[in-house]
Amino acid sequence: MRQGGAARVREPANQVTAVEDGRKAGGGWHSMAKYQIISYANPAKRARKAADFDKTFAKFIERLEELAESPRKVLGQKVADD
């Protein structure tokens, strides 16, 4: 059971890294990008109610997959492309 849980956590970590790499390739990376990506993808960041962990985690992974396809979406205009 623990190994299965670890694999579930590694999947979004790898996706965050993929989004980061996409931003680096586009020249819009900064030192806090990882935290900005996680915040952007977090479906429960402003929720003030209890949520089902499995549904919330699935939605988090889904958002990370969308960001991996278009990493520019996460940072938008917050980072100037020089």
C-alpha atoms as a PDB file:
ATOM      1  CA  MET A   1       0.000   0.000   0.000  1.00  0.00           C
ATOM      2  CA  ARG A   2       2.790   2.464   0.813  1.00  0.00           C
ATOM      3  CA  GLN A   3       4.521   1.882  -2.521  1.00  0.00           C
ATOM      4  CA  GLY A   4       1.262   2.500  -4.361  1.00  0.00           C
ATOM      5  CA  GLY A   5       0.817   5.769  -2.478  1.00  0.00           C
ATOM      6  CA  ALA A   6       4.367   6.806  -3.241  1.00  0.00           C
ATOM      7  CA  ALA A   7       3.799   6.182  -6.947  1.00  0.00           C
ATOM      8  CA  ARG A   8       0.671   8.363  -6.819  1.00  0.00           C
ATOM      9  CA  VAL A   9       2.650  11.233  -5.310  1.00  0.00           C
ATOM     10  CA  ARG A  10       5.550  10.857  -7.740  1.00  0.00           C
ATOM     11  CA  GLU A  11       3.267  11.250 -10.748  1.00  0.00           C
ATOM     12  CA  PRO A  12       2.301  14.896 -10.061  1.00  0.00           C
ATOM     13  CA  ALA A  13       5.862  15.687  -8.962  1.00  0.00           C
ATOM     14  CA  ASN A  14       7.091  14.532 -12.372  1.00  0.00           C
ATOM     15  CA  GLN A  15       4.378  16.581 -14.078  1.00  0.00           C
ATOM     16  CA  VAL A  16       5.374  19.717 -12.157  1.00  0.00           C
ATOM     17  CA  THR A  17       8.936  19.153 -13.343  1.00  0.00           C
ATOM     18  CA  ALA A  18       7.683  18.754 -16.930  1.00  0.00           C
ATOM     19  CA  VAL A  19       5.813  22.079 -16.720  1.00  0.00           C
ATOM     20  CA  GLU A  20       8.908  23.720 -15.219  1.00  0.00           C
ATOM     21  CA  ASP A  21      11.038  22.380 -18.056  1.00  0.00           C
ATOM     22  CA  GLY A  22       8.540  23.740 -20.570  1.00  0.00           C
ATOM     23  CA  ARG A  23       8.767  27.176 -18.975  1.00  0.00           C
ATOM     24  CA  LYS A  24      12.566  27.015 -18.967  1.00  0.00           C
ATOM     25  CA  ALA A  25      12.557  26.192 -22.674  1.00  0.00           C
ATOM     26  CA  GLY A  26      10.307  29.196 -23.293  1.00  0.00           C
ATOM     27  CA  GLY A  27      12.546  31.480 -21.255  1.00  0.00           C
ATOM     28  CA  GLY A  28       9.927  32.286 -18.628  1.00  0.00           C
ATOM     29  CA  TRP A  29      11.318  30.476 -15.617  1.00  0.00           C
ATOM     30  CA  HIS A  30      12.166  31.886 -12.197  1.00  0.00           C
ATOM     31  CA  SER A  31      13.216  30.466  -8.832  1.00  0.00           C
ATOM     32  CA  MET A  32       9.679  30.269  -7.447  1.00  0.00           C
ATOM     33  CA  ALA A  33       8.106  28.762 -10.574  1.00  0.00           C
ATOM     34  CA  LYS A  34       7.570  25.334  -9.000  1.00  0.00           C
ATOM     35  CA  TYR A  35       5.460  26.811  -6.208  1.00  0.00           C
ATOM     36  CA  GLN A  36       3.500  28.935  -8.652  1.00  0.00           C
ATOM     37  CA  ILE A  37       2.749  25.861 -10.773  1.00  0.00           C
ATOM     38  CA  ILE A  38       1.523  23.911  -7.744  1.00  0.00           C
ATOM     39  CA  SER A  39      -0.622  26.824  -6.594  1.00  0.00           C
ATOM     40  CA  TYR A  40      -2.123  27.278 -10.054  1.00  0.00           C
ATOM     41  CA  ALA A  41      -3.018  23.582 -10.328  1.00  0.00           C
ATOM     42  CA  ASN A  42      -4.329  23.206  -6.766  1.00  0.00           C
ATOM     43  CA  PRO A  43      -8.120  22.713  -7.007  1.00  0.00           C
ATOM     44  CA  ALA A  44      -8.677  23.208  -3.261  1.00  0.00           C
ATOM     45  CA  LYS A  45      -6.571  26.294  -2.602  1.00  0.00           C
ATOM     46  CA  ARG A  46      -9.495  28.548  -1.730  1.00  0.00           C
ATOM     47  CA  ALA A  47     -12.055  25.931  -0.742  1.00  0.00           C
ATOM     48  CA  ARG A  48     -13.328  26.332   2.792  1.00  0.00           C
ATOM     49  CA  LYS A  49     -15.048  22.975   2.947  1.00  0.00           C
ATOM     50  CA  ALA A  50     -14.050  19.368   3.324  1.00  0.00           C
ATOM     51  CA  ALA A  51     -13.236  17.648   0.057  1.00  0.00           C
ATOM     52  CA  ASP A  52     -12.767  14.063  -1.007  1.00  0.00           C
ATOM     53  CA  PHE A  53      -9.029  13.456  -1.269  1.00  0.00           C
ATOM     54  CA  ASP A  54      -9.190  11.112  -4.261  1.00  0.00           C
ATOM     55  CA  LYS A  55     -11.364  13.479  -6.322  1.00  0.00           C
ATOM     56  CA  THR A  56      -9.272  16.516  -5.420  1.00  0.00           C
ATOM     57  CA  PHE A  57      -6.005  14.716  -6.167  1.00  0.00           C
ATOM     58  CA  ALA A  58      -7.383  13.492  -9.512  1.00  0.00           C
ATOM     59  CA  LYS A  59      -8.364  17.050 -10.432  1.00  0.00           C
ATOM     60  CA  PHE A  60      -4.894  18.285  -9.412  1.00  0.00           C
ATOM     61  CA  ILE A  61      -3.266  15.727 -11.705  1.00  0.00           C
ATOM     62  CA  GLU A  62      -5.662  16.659 -14.517  1.00  0.00           C
ATOM     63  CA  ARG A  63      -4.714  20.333 -14.237  1.00  0.00           C
ATOM     64  CA  LEU A  64      -1.021  19.468 -14.249  1.00  0.00           C
ATOM     65  CA  GLU A  65      -1.526  17.447 -17.441  1.00  0.00           C
ATOM     66  CA  GLU A  66      -3.196  20.473 -19.063  1.00  0.00           C
ATOM     67  CA  LEU A  67      -0.301  22.676 -17.979  1.00  0.00           C
ATOM     68  CA  ALA A  68       2.233  20.220 -19.378  1.00  0.00           C
ATOM     69  CA  GLU A  69       0.591  20.725 -22.786  1.00  0.00           C
ATOM     70  CA  SER A  70       0.711  24.526 -22.517  1.00  0.00           C
ATOM     71  CA  PRO A  71       3.131  25.580 -19.760  1.00  0.00           C
ATOM     72  CA  ARG A  72       2.828  29.264 -20.680  1.00  0.00           C
ATOM     73  CA  LYS A  73      -0.642  29.278 -19.157  1.00  0.00           C
ATOM     74  CA  VAL A  74       0.603  28.981 -15.579  1.00  0.00           C
ATOM     75  CA  LEU A  75       2.753  32.055 -15.396  1.00  0.00           C
ATOM     76  CA  GLY A  76       0.908  34.153 -17.911  1.00  0.00           C
ATOM     77  CA  GLN A  77       2.087  37.734 -17.670  1.00  0.00           C
ATOM     78  CA  LYS A  78       3.687  37.425 -14.230  1.00  0.00           C
ATOM     79  CA  VAL A  79       7.108  36.785 -15.764  1.00  0.00           C
ATOM     80  CA  ALA A  80       8.556  38.987 -18.448  1.00  0.00           C
ATOM     81  CA  ASP A  81      10.061  37.074 -21.342  1.00  0.00           C
ATOM     82  CA  ASP A  82      13.390  38.788 -21.904  1.00  0.00           C
END
